[in-house]
Amino acid sequence: MKKDSVGFDAFSALDIRVGTIIKADEFVAARKPAFKLWVDFGEEVGILKSSAQITAFYSLENLKGQQVMGVVNFEPKQIGNFMSEFLLLGIYHGEGVVLIAPNMPCKNGEKLG
């Protein structure tokens, strides 16, 4: 079902940037299988962390160095014993989540839009 329309101002309030995963660990305290991720969003934003339920299609070994997209201006959210500092963007696909990423290398911190 399509959601209600929003104005461009609502979209432009989101700070969506590209970053590179520099560290990934298992999130053993999570209720559902998840990873803890540390992503470098460039000089202006820095390194932020988030939890992600992406274990269906990704392993710890193939995440490091991968570029991703994230919303970096949401308020931090406590998830179990871990503070999530950004929202990792992905698409629900079948049994899991597919990460949204640029299709060519981009500089960390570059903005969507």
PDB file of N, CA and C in Angstrom:
ATOM      1  N   MET A   1       0.841  -1.174   0.000  1.00  0.00           N
ATOM      2  CA  MET A   1       0.000   0.000   0.000  1.00  0.00           C
ATOM      3  C   MET A   1       0.888   1.240   0.000  1.00  0.00           C
ATOM      4  N   LYS A   2       0.614   2.139  -0.885  1.00  0.00           N
ATOM      5  CA  LYS A   2       1.365   3.388  -0.987  1.00  0.00           C
ATOM      6  C   LYS A   2       1.035   4.285   0.195  1.00  0.00           C
ATOM      7  N   LYS A   3       2.073   4.888   0.779  1.00  0.00           N
ATOM      8  CA  LYS A   3       1.874   5.792   1.912  1.00  0.00           C
ATOM      9  C   LYS A   3       1.418   7.157   1.413  1.00  0.00           C
ATOM     10  N   ASP A   4       0.906   7.967   2.340  1.00  0.00           N
ATOM     11  CA  ASP A   4       0.462   9.324   2.015  1.00  0.00           C
ATOM     12  C   ASP A   4       1.624  10.149   1.492  1.00  0.00           C
ATOM     13  N   SER A   5       1.325  11.096   0.641  1.00  0.00           N
ATOM     14  CA  SER A   5       2.339  12.000   0.103  1.00  0.00           C
ATOM     15  C   SER A   5       2.878  12.914   1.191  1.00  0.00           C
ATOM     16  N   VAL A   6       4.159  13.275   1.049  1.00  0.00           N
ATOM     17  CA  VAL A   6       4.783  14.245   1.944  1.00  0.00           C
ATOM     18  C   VAL A   6       5.436  15.318   1.083  1.00  0.00           C
ATOM     19  N   GLY A   7       5.640  16.462   1.658  1.00  0.00           N
ATOM     20  CA  GLY A   7       6.307  17.535   0.937  1.00  0.00           C
ATOM     21  C   GLY A   7       7.801  17.292   0.831  1.00  0.00           C
ATOM     22  N   PHE A   8       8.427  17.987  -0.101  1.00  0.00           N
ATOM     23  CA  PHE A   8       9.871  17.839  -0.299  1.00  0.00           C
ATOM     24  C   PHE A   8      10.649  18.214   0.957  1.00  0.00           C
ATOM     25  N   ASP A   9      10.113  19.147   1.754  1.00  0.00           N
ATOM     26  CA  ASP A   9      10.793  19.554   2.984  1.00  0.00           C
ATOM     27  C   ASP A   9      10.968  18.381   3.942  1.00  0.00           C
ATOM     28  N   ALA A  10       9.984  17.481   3.989  1.00  0.00           N
ATOM     29  CA  ALA A  10      10.094  16.306   4.864  1.00  0.00           C
ATOM     30  C   ALA A  10      11.240  15.408   4.409  1.00  0.00           C
ATOM     31  N   PHE A  11      11.368  15.201   3.107  1.00  0.00           N
ATOM     32  CA  PHE A  11      12.459  14.386   2.577  1.00  0.00           C
ATOM     33  C   PHE A  11      13.805  15.062   2.793  1.00  0.00           C
ATOM     34  N   SER A  12      13.862  16.364   2.520  1.00  0.00           N
ATOM     35  CA  SER A  12      15.144  17.065   2.617  1.00  0.00           C
ATOM     36  C   SER A  12      15.620  17.206   4.057  1.00  0.00           C
ATOM     37  N   ALA A  13      14.749  16.961   5.032  1.00  0.00           N
ATOM     38  CA  ALA A  13      15.164  16.990   6.437  1.00  0.00           C
ATOM     39  C   ALA A  13      16.044  15.796   6.787  1.00  0.00           C
ATOM     40  N   LEU A  14      15.969  14.731   5.978  1.00  0.00           N
ATOM     41  CA  LEU A  14      16.792  13.547   6.221  1.00  0.00           C
ATOM     42  C   LEU A  14      18.200  13.773   5.692  1.00  0.00           C
ATOM     43  N   ASP A  15      19.186  13.417   6.489  1.00  0.00           N
ATOM     44  CA  ASP A  15      20.581  13.510   6.076  1.00  0.00           C
ATOM     45  C   ASP A  15      21.034  12.093   5.721  1.00  0.00           C
ATOM     46  N   ILE A  16      20.949  11.751   4.433  1.00  0.00           N
ATOM     47  CA  ILE A  16      21.277  10.409   3.952  1.00  0.00           C
ATOM     48  C   ILE A  16      22.634  10.474   3.263  1.00  0.00           C
ATOM     49  N   ARG A  17      23.565   9.668   3.765  1.00  0.00           N
ATOM     50  CA  ARG A  17      24.940   9.718   3.264  1.00  0.00           C
ATOM     51  C   ARG A  17      25.489   8.326   2.991  1.00  0.00           C
ATOM     52  N   VAL A  18      26.544   8.304   2.187  1.00  0.00           N
ATOM     53  CA  VAL A  18      27.257   7.064   1.917  1.00  0.00           C
ATOM     54  C   VAL A  18      28.402   6.937   2.914  1.00  0.00           C
ATOM     55  N   GLY A  19      28.627   5.702   3.338  1.00  0.00           N
ATOM     56  CA  GLY A  19      29.732   5.414   4.243  1.00  0.00           C
ATOM     57  C   GLY A  19      30.287   4.034   3.962  1.00  0.00           C
ATOM     58  N   THR A  20      31.426   3.739   4.561  1.00  0.00           N
ATOM     59  CA  THR A  20      32.092   2.449   4.386  1.00  0.00           C
ATOM     60  C   THR A  20      32.137   1.713   5.716  1.00  0.00           C
ATOM     61  N   ILE A  21      31.730   0.454   5.699  1.00  0.00           N
ATOM     62  CA  ILE A  21      31.784  -0.363   6.912  1.00  0.00           C
ATOM     63  C   ILE A  21      33.246  -0.624   7.240  1.00  0.00           C
ATOM     64  N   ILE A  22      33.664  -0.228   8.459  1.00  0.00           N
ATOM     65  CA  ILE A  22      35.049  -0.437   8.865  1.00  0.00           C
ATOM     66  C   ILE A  22      35.179  -1.557   9.890  1.00  0.00           C
ATOM     67  N   LYS A  23      34.056  -1.925  10.523  1.00  0.00           N
ATOM     68  CA  LYS A  23      34.075  -2.995  11.527  1.00  0.00           C
ATOM     69  C   LYS A  23      32.691  -3.615  11.598  1.00  0.00           C
ATOM     70  N   ALA A  24      32.648  -4.928  11.764  1.00  0.00           N
ATOM     71  CA  ALA A  24      31.381  -5.649  11.931  1.00  0.00           C
ATOM     72  C   ALA A  24      31.581  -6.766  12.945  1.00  0.00           C
ATOM     73  N   ASP A  25      30.686  -6.854  13.922  1.00  0.00           N
ATOM     74  CA  ASP A  25      30.729  -7.886  14.953  1.00  0.00           C
ATOM     75  C   ASP A  25      29.360  -8.530  15.076  1.00  0.00           C
ATOM     76  N   GLU A  26      29.339  -9.740  15.616  1.00  0.00           N
ATOM     77  CA  GLU A  26      28.058 -10.367  15.928  1.00  0.00           C
ATOM     78  C   GLU A  26      27.413  -9.612  17.072  1.00  0.00           C
ATOM     79  N   PHE A  27      26.095  -9.494  17.042  1.00  0.00           N
ATOM     80  CA  PHE A  27      25.338  -8.864  18.117  1.00  0.00           C
ATOM     81  C   PHE A  27      24.672  -9.983  18.901  1.00  0.00           C
ATOM     82  N   VAL A  28      25.443 -10.599  19.790  1.00  0.00           N
ATOM     83  CA  VAL A  28      24.971 -11.792  20.489  1.00  0.00           C
ATOM     84  C   VAL A  28      23.808 -11.503  21.441  1.00  0.00           C
ATOM     85  N   ALA A  29      23.684 -10.278  21.932  1.00  0.00           N
ATOM     86  CA  ALA A  29      22.605  -9.945  22.861  1.00  0.00           C
ATOM     87  C   ALA A  29      21.293  -9.606  22.155  1.00  0.00           C
ATOM     88  N   ALA A  30      21.307  -9.529  20.828  1.00  0.00           N
ATOM     89  CA  ALA A  30      20.087  -9.187  20.088  1.00  0.00           C
ATOM     90  C   ALA A  30      19.068 -10.315  20.156  1.00  0.00           C
ATOM     91  N   ARG A  31      17.778  -9.954  20.171  1.00  0.00           N
ATOM     92  CA  ARG A  31      16.715 -10.968  20.190  1.00  0.00           C
ATOM     93  C   ARG A  31      16.631 -11.725  18.872  1.00  0.00           C
ATOM     94  N   LYS A  32      16.837 -11.013  17.760  1.00  0.00           N
ATOM     95  CA  LYS A  32      16.864 -11.635  16.434  1.00  0.00           C
ATOM     96  C   LYS A  32      18.293 -11.539  15.918  1.00  0.00           C
ATOM     97  N   PRO A  33      18.728 -12.484  15.079  1.00  0.00           N
ATOM     98  CA  PRO A  33      20.110 -12.444  14.581  1.00  0.00           C
ATOM     99  C   PRO A  33      20.446 -11.085  13.956  1.00  0.00           C
ATOM    100  N   ALA A  34      21.566 -10.507  14.389  1.00  0.00           N
ATOM    101  CA  ALA A  34      21.953  -9.177  13.922  1.00  0.00           C
ATOM    102  C   ALA A  34      23.467  -9.011  14.033  1.00  0.00           C
ATOM    103  N   PHE A  35      23.940  -7.963  13.381  1.00  0.00           N
ATOM    104  CA  PHE A  35      25.340  -7.560  13.463  1.00  0.00           C
ATOM    105  C   PHE A  35      25.411  -6.157  14.047  1.00  0.00           C
ATOM    106  N   LYS A  36      26.533  -5.853  14.684  1.00  0.00           N
ATOM    107  CA  LYS A  36      26.883  -4.488  15.063  1.00  0.00           C
ATOM    108  C   LYS A  36      27.811  -3.978  13.963  1.00  0.00           C
ATOM    109  N   LEU A  37      27.528  -2.802  13.442  1.00  0.00           N
ATOM    110  CA  LEU A  37      28.337  -2.227  12.368  1.00  0.00           C
ATOM    111  C   LEU A  37      28.873  -0.861  12.776  1.00  0.00           C
ATOM    112  N   TRP A  38      30.119  -0.587  12.375  1.00  0.00           N
ATOM    113  CA  TRP A  38      30.732   0.725  12.524  1.00  0.00           C
ATOM    114  C   TRP A  38      31.010   1.215  11.117  1.00  0.00           C
ATOM    115  N   VAL A  39      30.483   2.396  10.791  1.00  0.00           N
ATOM    116  CA  VAL A  39      30.556   2.911   9.429  1.00  0.00           C
ATOM    117  C   VAL A  39      31.216   4.295   9.440  1.00  0.00           C
ATOM    118  N   ASP A  40      32.182   4.470   8.538  1.00  0.00           N
ATOM    119  CA  ASP A  40      32.866   5.744   8.382  1.00  0.00           C
ATOM    120  C   ASP A  40      32.088   6.597   7.387  1.00  0.00           C
ATOM    121  N   PHE A  41      31.485   7.683   7.878  1.00  0.00           N
ATOM    122  CA  PHE A  41      30.722   8.596   7.038  1.00  0.00           C
ATOM    123  C   PHE A  41      31.510   9.861   6.691  1.00  0.00           C
ATOM    124  N   GLY A  42      32.823   9.801   6.726  1.00  0.00           N
ATOM    125  CA  GLY A  42      33.653  10.928   6.315  1.00  0.00           C
ATOM    126  C   GLY A  42      33.929  11.905   7.439  1.00  0.00           C
ATOM    127  N   GLU A  43      34.713  12.924   7.106  1.00  0.00           N
ATOM    128  CA  GLU A  43      35.196  13.881   8.103  1.00  0.00           C
ATOM    129  C   GLU A  43      34.084  14.644   8.807  1.00  0.00           C
ATOM    130  N   GLU A  44      33.070  15.063   8.089  1.00  0.00           N
ATOM    131  CA  GLU A  44      32.014  15.897   8.672  1.00  0.00           C
ATOM    132  C   GLU A  44      31.178  15.144   9.704  1.00  0.00           C
ATOM    133  N   VAL A  45      30.897  13.868   9.456  1.00  0.00           N
ATOM    134  CA  VAL A  45      30.029  13.073  10.339  1.00  0.00           C
ATOM    135  C   VAL A  45      30.851  12.164  11.252  1.00  0.00           C
ATOM    136  N   GLY A  46      31.870  11.534  10.714  1.00  0.00           N
ATOM    137  CA  GLY A  46      32.702  10.623  11.494  1.00  0.00           C
ATOM    138  C   GLY A  46      32.227   9.188  11.431  1.00  0.00           C
ATOM    139  N   ILE A  47      32.647   8.404  12.405  1.00  0.00           N
ATOM    140  CA  ILE A  47      32.295   6.986  12.485  1.00  0.00           C
ATOM    141  C   ILE A  47      31.078   6.845  13.394  1.00  0.00           C
ATOM    142  N   LEU A  48      30.035   6.210  12.857  1.00  0.00           N
ATOM    143  CA  LEU A  48      28.818   5.947  13.614  1.00  0.00           C
ATOM    144  C   LEU A  48      28.578   4.447  13.662  1.00  0.00           C
ATOM    145  N   LYS A  49      27.829   4.008  14.683  1.00  0.00           N
ATOM    146  CA  LYS A  49      27.532   2.581  14.820  1.00  0.00           C
ATOM    147  C   LYS A  49      26.036   2.332  14.749  1.00  0.00           C
ATOM    148  N   SER A  50      25.697   1.126  14.309  1.00  0.00           N
ATOM    149  CA  SER A  50      24.303   0.736  14.205  1.00  0.00           C
ATOM    150  C   SER A  50      24.202  -0.777  14.300  1.00  0.00           C
ATOM    151  N   SER A  51      23.035  -1.253  14.684  1.00  0.00           N
ATOM    152  CA  SER A  51      22.781  -2.690  14.609  1.00  0.00           C
ATOM    153  C   SER A  51      21.943  -2.954  13.369  1.00  0.00           C
ATOM    154  N   ALA A  52      22.110  -4.136  12.800  1.00  0.00           N
ATOM    155  CA  ALA A  52      21.407  -4.437  11.561  1.00  0.00           C
ATOM    156  C   ALA A  52      21.051  -5.920  11.496  1.00  0.00           C
ATOM    157  N   GLN A  53      19.796  -6.201  11.212  1.00  0.00           N
ATOM    158  CA  GLN A  53      19.339  -7.582  11.037  1.00  0.00           C
ATOM    159  C   GLN A  53      19.525  -7.973   9.574  1.00  0.00           C
ATOM    160  N   ILE A  54      20.772  -8.176   9.188  1.00  0.00           N
ATOM    161  CA  ILE A  54      21.126  -8.454   7.791  1.00  0.00           C
ATOM    162  C   ILE A  54      21.841  -9.790   7.646  1.00  0.00           C
ATOM    163  N   THR A  55      21.670 -10.674   8.610  1.00  0.00           N
ATOM    164  CA  THR A  55      22.417 -11.932   8.621  1.00  0.00           C
ATOM    165  C   THR A  55      21.962 -12.924   7.557  1.00  0.00           C
ATOM    166  N   ALA A  56      20.797 -12.733   6.961  1.00  0.00           N
ATOM    167  CA  ALA A  56      20.307 -13.676   5.948  1.00  0.00           C
ATOM    168  C   ALA A  56      21.171 -13.663   4.689  1.00  0.00           C
ATOM    169  N   PHE A  57      21.651 -12.493   4.298  1.00  0.00           N
ATOM    170  CA  PHE A  57      22.395 -12.368   3.044  1.00  0.00           C
ATOM    171  C   PHE A  57      23.850 -11.955   3.206  1.00  0.00           C
ATOM    172  N   TYR A  58      24.252 -11.603   4.417  1.00  0.00           N
ATOM    173  CA  TYR A  58      25.604 -11.085   4.631  1.00  0.00           C
ATOM    174  C   TYR A  58      26.301 -11.853   5.756  1.00  0.00           C
ATOM    175  N   SER A  59      27.623 -11.925   5.654  1.00  0.00           N
ATOM    176  CA  SER A  59      28.439 -12.507   6.720  1.00  0.00           C
ATOM    177  C   SER A  59      29.415 -11.451   7.200  1.00  0.00           C
ATOM    178  N   LEU A  60      29.971 -11.643   8.383  1.00  0.00           N
ATOM    179  CA  LEU A  60      30.931 -10.683   8.910  1.00  0.00           C
ATOM    180  C   LEU A  60      32.103 -10.492   7.956  1.00  0.00           C
ATOM    181  N   GLU A  61      32.498 -11.577   7.296  1.00  0.00           N
ATOM    182  CA  GLU A  61      33.664 -11.534   6.414  1.00  0.00           C
ATOM    183  C   GLU A  61      33.449 -10.646   5.189  1.00  0.00           C
ATOM    184  N   ASN A  62      32.219 -10.585   4.663  1.00  0.00           N
ATOM    185  CA  ASN A  62      32.028  -9.815   3.432  1.00  0.00           C
ATOM    186  C   ASN A  62      31.488  -8.401   3.660  1.00  0.00           C
ATOM    187  N   LEU A  63      31.336  -7.990   4.909  1.00  0.00           N
ATOM    188  CA  LEU A  63      30.805  -6.652   5.182  1.00  0.00           C
ATOM    189  C   LEU A  63      31.885  -5.575   5.237  1.00  0.00           C
ATOM    190  N   LYS A  64      33.035  -5.891   5.813  1.00  0.00           N
ATOM    191  CA  LYS A  64      34.089  -4.887   5.968  1.00  0.00           C
ATOM    192  C   LYS A  64      34.511  -4.372   4.597  1.00  0.00           C
ATOM    193  N   GLY A  65      34.527  -3.046   4.466  1.00  0.00           N
ATOM    194  CA  GLY A  65      34.910  -2.404   3.213  1.00  0.00           C
ATOM    195  C   GLY A  65      33.749  -2.117   2.282  1.00  0.00           C
ATOM    196  N   GLN A  66      32.560  -2.637   2.597  1.00  0.00           N
ATOM    197  CA  GLN A  66      31.403  -2.420   1.738  1.00  0.00           C
ATOM    198  C   GLN A  66      30.822  -1.036   1.999  1.00  0.00           C
ATOM    199  N   GLN A  67      30.440  -0.348   0.926  1.00  0.00           N
ATOM    200  CA  GLN A  67      29.775   0.939   1.087  1.00  0.00           C
ATOM    201  C   GLN A  67      28.279   0.726   1.273  1.00  0.00           C
ATOM    202  N   VAL A  68      27.684   1.592   2.104  1.00  0.00           N
ATOM    203  CA  VAL A  68      26.264   1.519   2.430  1.00  0.00           C
ATOM    204  C   VAL A  68      25.703   2.934   2.476  1.00  0.00           C
ATOM    205  N   MET A  69      24.393   3.021   2.569  1.00  0.00           N
ATOM    206  CA  MET A  69      23.705   4.305   2.729  1.00  0.00           C
ATOM    207  C   MET A  69      23.043   4.306   4.100  1.00  0.00           C
ATOM    208  N   GLY A  70      23.064   5.459   4.753  1.00  0.00           N
ATOM    209  CA  GLY A  70      22.457   5.555   6.067  1.00  0.00           C
ATOM    210  C   GLY A  70      21.901   6.938   6.348  1.00  0.00           C
ATOM    211  N   VAL A  71      20.867   6.974   7.187  1.00  0.00           N
ATOM    212  CA  VAL A  71      20.316   8.239   7.675  1.00  0.00           C
ATOM    213  C   VAL A  71      21.101   8.573   8.942  1.00  0.00           C
ATOM    214  N   VAL A  72      21.848   9.682   8.894  1.00  0.00           N
ATOM    215  CA  VAL A  72      22.774   9.981   9.986  1.00  0.00           C
ATOM    216  C   VAL A  72      22.253  11.038  10.957  1.00  0.00           C
ATOM    217  N   ASN A  73      21.033  11.539  10.735  1.00  0.00           N
ATOM    218  CA  ASN A  73      20.519  12.557  11.644  1.00  0.00           C
ATOM    219  C   ASN A  73      19.272  12.131  12.421  1.00  0.00           C
ATOM    220  N   PHE A  74      19.051  10.827  12.563  1.00  0.00           N
ATOM    221  CA  PHE A  74      18.024  10.361  13.491  1.00  0.00           C
ATOM    222  C   PHE A  74      18.602  10.414  14.900  1.00  0.00           C
ATOM    223  N   GLU A  75      17.727  10.526  15.889  1.00  0.00           N
ATOM    224  CA  GLU A  75      18.191  10.461  17.270  1.00  0.00           C
ATOM    225  C   GLU A  75      18.706   9.050  17.553  1.00  0.00           C
ATOM    226  N   PRO A  76      19.754   8.924  18.371  1.00  0.00           N
ATOM    227  CA  PRO A  76      20.254   7.586  18.721  1.00  0.00           C
ATOM    228  C   PRO A  76      19.147   6.747  19.359  1.00  0.00           C
ATOM    229  N   LYS A  77      19.230   5.438  19.156  1.00  0.00           N
ATOM    230  CA  LYS A  77      18.213   4.525  19.689  1.00  0.00           C
ATOM    231  C   LYS A  77      18.905   3.366  20.401  1.00  0.00           C
ATOM    232  N   GLN A  78      18.477   3.115  21.637  1.00  0.00           N
ATOM    233  CA  GLN A  78      19.028   2.011  22.414  1.00  0.00           C
ATOM    234  C   GLN A  78      18.410   0.711  21.917  1.00  0.00           C
ATOM    235  N   ILE A  79      19.254  -0.226  21.503  1.00  0.00           N
ATOM    236  CA  ILE A  79      18.796  -1.545  21.064  1.00  0.00           C
ATOM    237  C   ILE A  79      19.518  -2.562  21.937  1.00  0.00           C
ATOM    238  N   GLY A  80      18.803  -3.084  22.925  1.00  0.00           N
ATOM    239  CA  GLY A  80      19.443  -3.980  23.894  1.00  0.00           C
ATOM    240  C   GLY A  80      20.521  -3.213  24.640  1.00  0.00           C
ATOM    241  N   ASN A  81      21.732  -3.761  24.619  1.00  0.00           N
ATOM    242  CA  ASN A  81      22.854  -3.119  25.311  1.00  0.00           C
ATOM    243  C   ASN A  81      23.729  -2.307  24.347  1.00  0.00           C
ATOM    244  N   PHE A  82      23.164  -1.899  23.221  1.00  0.00           N
ATOM    245  CA  PHE A  82      23.924  -1.231  22.168  1.00  0.00           C
ATOM    246  C   PHE A  82      23.181   0.028  21.720  1.00  0.00           C
ATOM    247  N   MET A  83      23.908   1.129  21.572  1.00  0.00           N
ATOM    248  CA  MET A  83      23.304   2.376  21.124  1.00  0.00           C
ATOM    249  C   MET A  83      23.492   2.520  19.618  1.00  0.00           C
ATOM    250  N   SER A  84      22.389   2.524  18.878  1.00  0.00           N
ATOM    251  CA  SER A  84      22.422   2.680  17.427  1.00  0.00           C
ATOM    252  C   SER A  84      22.392   4.170  17.102  1.00  0.00           C
ATOM    253  N   GLU A  85      23.370   4.630  16.301  1.00  0.00           N
ATOM    254  CA  GLU A  85      23.533   6.056  16.039  1.00  0.00           C
ATOM    255  C   GLU A  85      23.068   6.494  14.651  1.00  0.00           C
ATOM    256  N   PHE A  86      22.738   5.551  13.775  1.00  0.00           N
ATOM    257  CA  PHE A  86      22.213   5.896  12.452  1.00  0.00           C
ATOM    258  C   PHE A  86      21.326   4.759  11.971  1.00  0.00           C
ATOM    259  N   LEU A  87      20.516   5.048  10.945  1.00  0.00           N
ATOM    260  CA  LEU A  87      19.648   4.033  10.361  1.00  0.00           C
ATOM    261  C   LEU A  87      20.266   3.546   9.057  1.00  0.00           C
ATOM    262  N   LEU A  88      20.650   2.300   9.029  1.00  0.00           N
ATOM    263  CA  LEU A  88      21.166   1.664   7.825  1.00  0.00           C
ATOM    264  C   LEU A  88      19.997   1.426   6.872  1.00  0.00           C
ATOM    265  N   LEU A  89      20.170   1.761   5.593  1.00  0.00           N
ATOM    266  CA  LEU A  89      19.078   1.618   4.640  1.00  0.00           C
ATOM    267  C   LEU A  89      19.160   0.288   3.901  1.00  0.00           C
ATOM    268  N   GLY A  90      18.016  -0.370   3.796  1.00  0.00           N
ATOM    269  CA  GLY A  90      17.940  -1.646   3.110  1.00  0.00           C
ATOM    270  C   GLY A  90      16.527  -1.911   2.631  1.00  0.00           C
ATOM    271  N   ILE A  91      16.403  -2.969   1.858  1.00  0.00           N
ATOM    272  CA  ILE A  91      15.122  -3.370   1.287  1.00  0.00           C
ATOM    273  C   ILE A  91      14.793  -4.777   1.757  1.00  0.00           C
ATOM    274  N   TYR A  92      13.591  -4.968   2.297  1.00  0.00           N
ATOM    275  CA  TYR A  92      13.161  -6.312   2.675  1.00  0.00           C
ATOM    276  C   TYR A  92      12.959  -7.120   1.405  1.00  0.00           C
ATOM    277  N   HIS A  93      13.633  -8.268   1.339  1.00  0.00           N
ATOM    278  CA  HIS A  93      13.604  -9.110   0.142  1.00  0.00           C
ATOM    279  C   HIS A  93      13.552 -10.573   0.575  1.00  0.00           C
ATOM    280  N   GLY A  94      12.411 -11.187   0.398  1.00  0.00           N
ATOM    281  CA  GLY A  94      12.291 -12.602   0.740  1.00  0.00           C
ATOM    282  C   GLY A  94      12.580 -12.874   2.201  1.00  0.00           C
ATOM    283  N   GLU A  95      13.699 -13.533   2.465  1.00  0.00           N
ATOM    284  CA  GLU A  95      14.043 -13.966   3.819  1.00  0.00           C
ATOM    285  C   GLU A  95      14.879 -12.973   4.608  1.00  0.00           C
ATOM    286  N   GLY A  96      15.202 -11.819   4.019  1.00  0.00           N
ATOM    287  CA  GLY A  96      16.068 -10.900   4.743  1.00  0.00           C
ATOM    288  C   GLY A  96      16.110  -9.518   4.124  1.00  0.00           C
ATOM    289  N   VAL A  97      17.146  -8.783   4.491  1.00  0.00           N
ATOM    290  CA  VAL A  97      17.306  -7.397   4.055  1.00  0.00           C
ATOM    291  C   VAL A  97      18.509  -7.289   3.132  1.00  0.00           C
ATOM    292  N   VAL A  98      18.314  -6.578   2.016  1.00  0.00           N
ATOM    293  CA  VAL A  98      19.382  -6.276   1.067  1.00  0.00           C
ATOM    294  C   VAL A  98      19.787  -4.822   1.301  1.00  0.00           C
ATOM    295  N   LEU A  99      21.070  -4.590   1.505  1.00  0.00           N
ATOM    296  CA  LEU A  99      21.550  -3.242   1.765  1.00  0.00           C
ATOM    297  C   LEU A  99      21.480  -2.363   0.521  1.00  0.00           C
ATOM    298  N   ILE A 100      21.187  -1.090   0.738  1.00  0.00           N
ATOM    299  CA  ILE A 100      21.211  -0.103  -0.338  1.00  0.00           C
ATOM    300  C   ILE A 100      22.613   0.493  -0.370  1.00  0.00           C
ATOM    301  N   ALA A 101      23.205   0.492  -1.549  1.00  0.00           N
ATOM    302  CA  ALA A 101      24.572   0.976  -1.695  1.00  0.00           C
ATOM    303  C   ALA A 101      24.748   1.622  -3.058  1.00  0.00           C
ATOM    304  N   PRO A 102      25.712   2.552  -3.181  1.00  0.00           N
ATOM    305  CA  PRO A 102      25.984   3.118  -4.510  1.00  0.00           C
ATOM    306  C   PRO A 102      26.531   2.034  -5.424  1.00  0.00           C
ATOM    307  N   ASN A 103      26.283   2.170  -6.736  1.00  0.00           N
ATOM    308  CA  ASN A 103      26.758   1.132  -7.660  1.00  0.00           C
ATOM    309  C   ASN A 103      28.153   1.432  -8.206  1.00  0.00           C
ATOM    310  N   MET A 104      28.786   2.478  -7.695  1.00  0.00           N
ATOM    311  CA  MET A 104      30.195   2.740  -7.975  1.00  0.00           C
ATOM    312  C   MET A 104      30.781   3.420  -6.741  1.00  0.00           C
ATOM    313  N   PRO A 105      32.088   3.308  -6.518  1.00  0.00           N
ATOM    314  CA  PRO A 105      32.688   3.882  -5.314  1.00  0.00           C
ATOM    315  C   PRO A 105      32.422   5.380  -5.174  1.00  0.00           C
ATOM    316  N   CYS A 106      32.083   5.783  -3.968  1.00  0.00           N
ATOM    317  CA  CYS A 106      31.824   7.191  -3.656  1.00  0.00           C
ATOM    318  C   CYS A 106      32.658   7.578  -2.437  1.00  0.00           C
ATOM    319  N   LYS A 107      32.889   8.866  -2.295  1.00  0.00           N
ATOM    320  CA  LYS A 107      33.616   9.379  -1.152  1.00  0.00           C
ATOM    321  C   LYS A 107      32.717   9.283   0.083  1.00  0.00           C
ATOM    322  N   ASN A 108      33.262   8.763   1.185  1.00  0.00           N
ATOM    323  CA  ASN A 108      32.504   8.684   2.421  1.00  0.00           C
ATOM    324  C   ASN A 108      31.968  10.067   2.803  1.00  0.00           C
ATOM    325  N   GLY A 109      30.691  10.102   3.157  1.00  0.00           N
ATOM    326  CA  GLY A 109      30.059  11.336   3.584  1.00  0.00           C
ATOM    327  C   GLY A 109      29.269  12.043   2.503  1.00  0.00           C
ATOM    328  N   GLU A 110      29.407  11.600   1.232  1.00  0.00           N
ATOM    329  CA  GLU A 110      28.623  12.248   0.184  1.00  0.00           C
ATOM    330  C   GLU A 110      27.142  12.026   0.445  1.00  0.00           C
ATOM    331  N   LYS A 111      26.350  13.061   0.129  1.00  0.00           N
ATOM    332  CA  LYS A 111      24.923  13.061   0.454  1.00  0.00           C
ATOM    333  C   LYS A 111      24.071  12.575  -0.706  1.00  0.00           C
ATOM    334  N   LEU A 112      22.968  11.918  -0.373  1.00  0.00           N
ATOM    335  CA  LEU A 112      21.955  11.550  -1.350  1.00  0.00           C
ATOM    336  C   LEU A 112      21.202  12.811  -1.751  1.00  0.00           C
ATOM    337  N   GLY A 113      20.924  12.922  -3.042  1.00  0.00           N
ATOM    338  CA  GLY A 113      20.099  14.020  -3.504  1.00  0.00           C
ATOM    339  C   GLY A 113      20.864  15.124  -3.997  1.00  0.00           C
TER     340      GLY A 113
END
